[in-house]
Protein backbone atom coordinates (compact mmCIF):
# COMPACT_ATOMS: atom_id res chain seq x y z
CA MET A 1 0.00 0.00 0.00
CA THR A 2 1.41 3.37 -0.95
CA ARG A 3 0.36 6.86 -0.11
CA GLU A 4 1.05 9.65 -2.49
CA VAL A 5 1.49 13.17 -1.23
CA VAL A 6 -1.14 15.35 -2.82
CA ALA A 7 0.19 18.84 -3.24
CA ALA A 8 -1.87 21.98 -3.50
CA ALA A 9 -1.86 23.85 -6.79
CA PRO A 10 1.69 24.96 -7.51
CA VAL A 11 2.48 28.52 -6.64
CA PRO A 12 4.96 30.17 -9.01
CA VAL A 13 8.21 30.96 -7.23
CA PRO A 14 9.33 34.56 -7.70
CA GLY A 15 12.37 34.60 -9.95
CA ARG A 16 12.11 30.91 -10.82
CA ALA A 17 10.82 31.56 -14.33
CA GLN A 18 13.64 34.02 -14.94
CA ARG A 19 16.24 31.52 -13.74
CA VAL A 20 14.75 28.77 -15.93
CA ARG A 21 14.87 31.19 -18.88
CA GLU A 22 18.55 31.94 -18.13
CA ILE A 23 19.44 28.24 -17.88
CA ALA A 24 17.61 27.46 -21.13
CA GLY A 25 19.23 30.44 -22.84
CA GLU A 26 22.71 29.36 -21.77
CA LEU A 27 22.22 25.80 -23.07
CA ARG A 28 19.94 26.25 -26.09
CA GLY A 29 22.87 26.17 -28.51
CA LEU A 30 23.65 22.57 -27.62
CA ARG A 31 22.68 19.86 -30.06
CA GLY A 32 19.55 18.24 -28.63
CA ALA A 33 19.39 20.94 -25.95
CA LEU A 34 16.03 20.03 -24.41
CA ILE A 35 17.18 17.19 -22.16
CA PRO A 36 20.35 18.94 -20.95
CA ILE A 37 18.26 22.01 -20.15
CA LEU A 38 15.73 19.97 -18.19
CA HIS A 39 18.53 18.24 -16.27
CA ALA A 40 20.14 21.60 -15.48
CA VAL A 41 16.82 23.04 -14.26
CA GLN A 42 16.24 20.02 -12.04
CA GLU A 43 19.81 20.05 -10.74
CA GLU A 44 19.61 23.67 -9.70
CA LEU A 45 15.95 24.01 -8.73
CA GLY A 46 15.14 20.50 -7.47
CA HIS A 47 12.48 19.61 -10.01
CA VAL A 48 10.90 20.62 -13.31
CA ALA A 49 7.68 22.40 -12.40
CA GLN A 50 4.80 22.72 -14.84
CA ASP A 51 5.48 26.45 -15.14
CA ASP A 52 9.08 25.63 -16.12
CA VAL A 53 7.83 23.58 -19.07
CA ALA A 54 6.24 26.62 -20.70
CA VAL A 55 9.38 28.72 -20.22
CA VAL A 56 11.65 26.06 -21.74
CA ALA A 57 9.21 25.59 -24.63
CA ASP A 58 9.26 29.32 -25.29
CA VAL A 59 13.06 29.57 -25.27
CA LEU A 60 13.46 26.56 -27.58
CA ASN A 61 10.50 27.50 -29.80
CA LEU A 62 8.81 24.18 -29.06
CA SER A 63 5.23 23.47 -28.08
CA VAL A 64 4.43 23.06 -24.41
CA ALA A 65 3.14 19.58 -25.31
CA GLU A 66 6.54 18.58 -26.73
CA VAL A 67 8.41 19.62 -23.59
CA HIS A 68 5.74 18.18 -21.30
CA GLY A 69 5.98 14.89 -23.21
CA VAL A 70 9.71 14.65 -22.55
CA VAL A 71 9.36 15.56 -18.86
CA THR A 72 6.65 12.97 -18.30
CA PHE A 73 8.23 10.25 -20.48
CA TYR A 74 11.62 10.14 -18.77
CA LYS A 75 11.59 8.86 -15.23
CA ASP A 76 14.64 10.96 -14.37
CA PHE A 77 12.63 14.18 -14.22
CA ARG A 78 10.76 15.13 -11.07
CA ARG A 79 7.64 17.21 -11.49
CA ALA A 80 7.36 18.05 -7.80
CA ALA A 81 9.89 19.02 -5.18
CA PRO A 82 11.58 16.01 -3.59
CA GLY A 83 11.64 15.35 0.14
CA ARG A 84 14.48 16.61 2.30
CA THR A 85 16.39 13.38 1.70
CA THR A 86 16.30 11.10 -1.31
CA VAL A 87 16.76 7.37 -0.71
CA ALA A 88 17.42 5.26 -3.80
CA VAL A 89 17.44 1.45 -3.76
CA CYS A 90 19.22 -0.37 -6.57
CA GLN A 91 16.97 -2.75 -8.47
CA ALA A 92 19.49 -4.06 -11.01
CA GLU A 93 20.03 -7.80 -11.39
CA ALA A 94 23.15 -8.11 -9.23
CA CYS A 95 21.50 -6.36 -6.29
CA ARG A 96 18.23 -8.23 -6.82
CA ALA A 97 20.14 -11.51 -6.58
CA VAL A 98 21.27 -10.62 -3.04
CA GLY A 99 18.05 -9.25 -1.57
CA ALA A 100 17.23 -5.91 -3.20
CA VAL A 101 13.62 -6.90 -3.94
CA GLU A 102 12.94 -7.67 -0.28
CA LEU A 103 14.87 -4.55 0.78
CA ALA A 104 12.77 -2.43 -1.58
CA ASP A 105 9.57 -3.91 -0.16
CA TYR A 106 10.83 -3.15 3.34
CA ALA A 107 11.81 0.41 2.35
CA ARG A 108 8.35 1.11 0.88
CA VAL A 109 6.66 -0.02 4.09
CA ARG A 110 9.17 1.75 6.35
CA VAL A 111 9.04 5.08 4.50
CA GLY A 112 5.32 4.83 3.79
CA CYS A 113 5.43 5.50 0.07
CA GLY A 114 6.34 3.85 -3.20
CA PHE A 115 9.16 4.50 -5.63
CA GLY A 116 8.96 7.96 -7.14
CA GLU A 117 6.93 9.25 -4.20
CA THR A 118 7.60 11.33 -1.12
CA SER A 119 6.62 10.39 2.43
CA ALA A 120 3.58 12.16 3.85
CA ASP A 121 5.78 14.24 6.15
CA GLY A 122 7.91 15.40 3.21
CA ARG A 123 11.13 14.07 4.72
CA ILE A 124 12.02 11.25 2.33
CA THR A 125 11.62 10.65 -1.38
CA LEU A 126 12.02 6.99 -2.30
CA ASP A 127 13.49 6.13 -5.69
CA GLU A 128 14.64 3.05 -7.53
CA VAL A 129 17.84 3.01 -9.55
CA PHE A 130 19.00 0.41 -12.01
CA CYS A 131 22.68 0.14 -11.07
CA PHE A 132 25.02 2.28 -9.05
CA GLY A 133 28.00 0.26 -10.27
CA ASN A 134 28.41 -1.13 -6.75
CA CYS A 135 27.45 -4.66 -7.79
CA ALA A 136 29.93 -6.52 -5.60
CA LEU A 137 28.44 -4.87 -2.52
CA GLY A 138 24.72 -5.32 -3.16
CA PRO A 139 22.14 -4.55 -2.25
CA ALA A 140 23.17 -0.93 -2.71
CA VAL A 141 21.31 2.08 -1.38
CA GLN A 142 22.07 5.76 -1.82
CA VAL A 143 20.96 8.14 0.92
CA GLY A 144 21.37 11.70 -0.22
CA SER A 145 24.67 11.66 -2.07
CA LYS A 146 26.26 8.83 -0.06
CA LEU A 147 26.32 5.29 -1.42
CA HIS A 148 26.04 2.30 0.94
CA GLY A 149 26.64 -1.37 0.19
CA ARG A 150 25.39 -4.63 1.69
CA VAL A 151 22.36 -2.87 3.13
CA THR A 152 20.05 -4.98 5.25
CA PRO A 153 16.69 -3.91 6.64
CA ALA A 154 18.37 -3.16 9.99
CA ARG A 155 21.05 -1.09 8.30
CA LEU A 156 18.40 0.72 6.26
CA ASP A 157 16.63 1.61 9.51
CA ALA A 158 19.86 3.12 10.82
CA LEU A 159 20.42 5.06 7.59
CA LEU A 160 16.85 6.34 7.60
CA GLY A 161 17.22 7.34 11.26
CA GLU A 162 20.18 9.50 10.29
CA ALA A 163 18.20 11.01 7.42
CA LEU A 164 15.29 12.01 9.59
């Protein structure tokens, strides 16, 4: 059972549209600029908001539907702000072979949300990743920017305790 955080209607952030326009303007000369621009917006601002889609579309002379389609097609792009801490559980074959499926099930119950969702209290966003390149130390979990290997449910509890 998962709970999804239902956010109120997004409120435009003062200056956000201008910053998105600047990022898009700086990168629009790249070949295939749309995806690098979206990644840069998310990297700096945490997510790609619906209002950002229209700004990027305007700068690149694309339709809003084209940009929206890319944002919603690729799982890498967040459309809402993530929780304070992001916890990603590897679901690649090597990690699955040593308990990642069970660890993921445990993480979903423990955090109270599914992959791609944020806990009701806004503290943790739970994600799945398909390989950190830490295969010899599976199952691998990344908490924030720190990668951990051989994570058990008990160790995940300790890592989550530190994140809260």
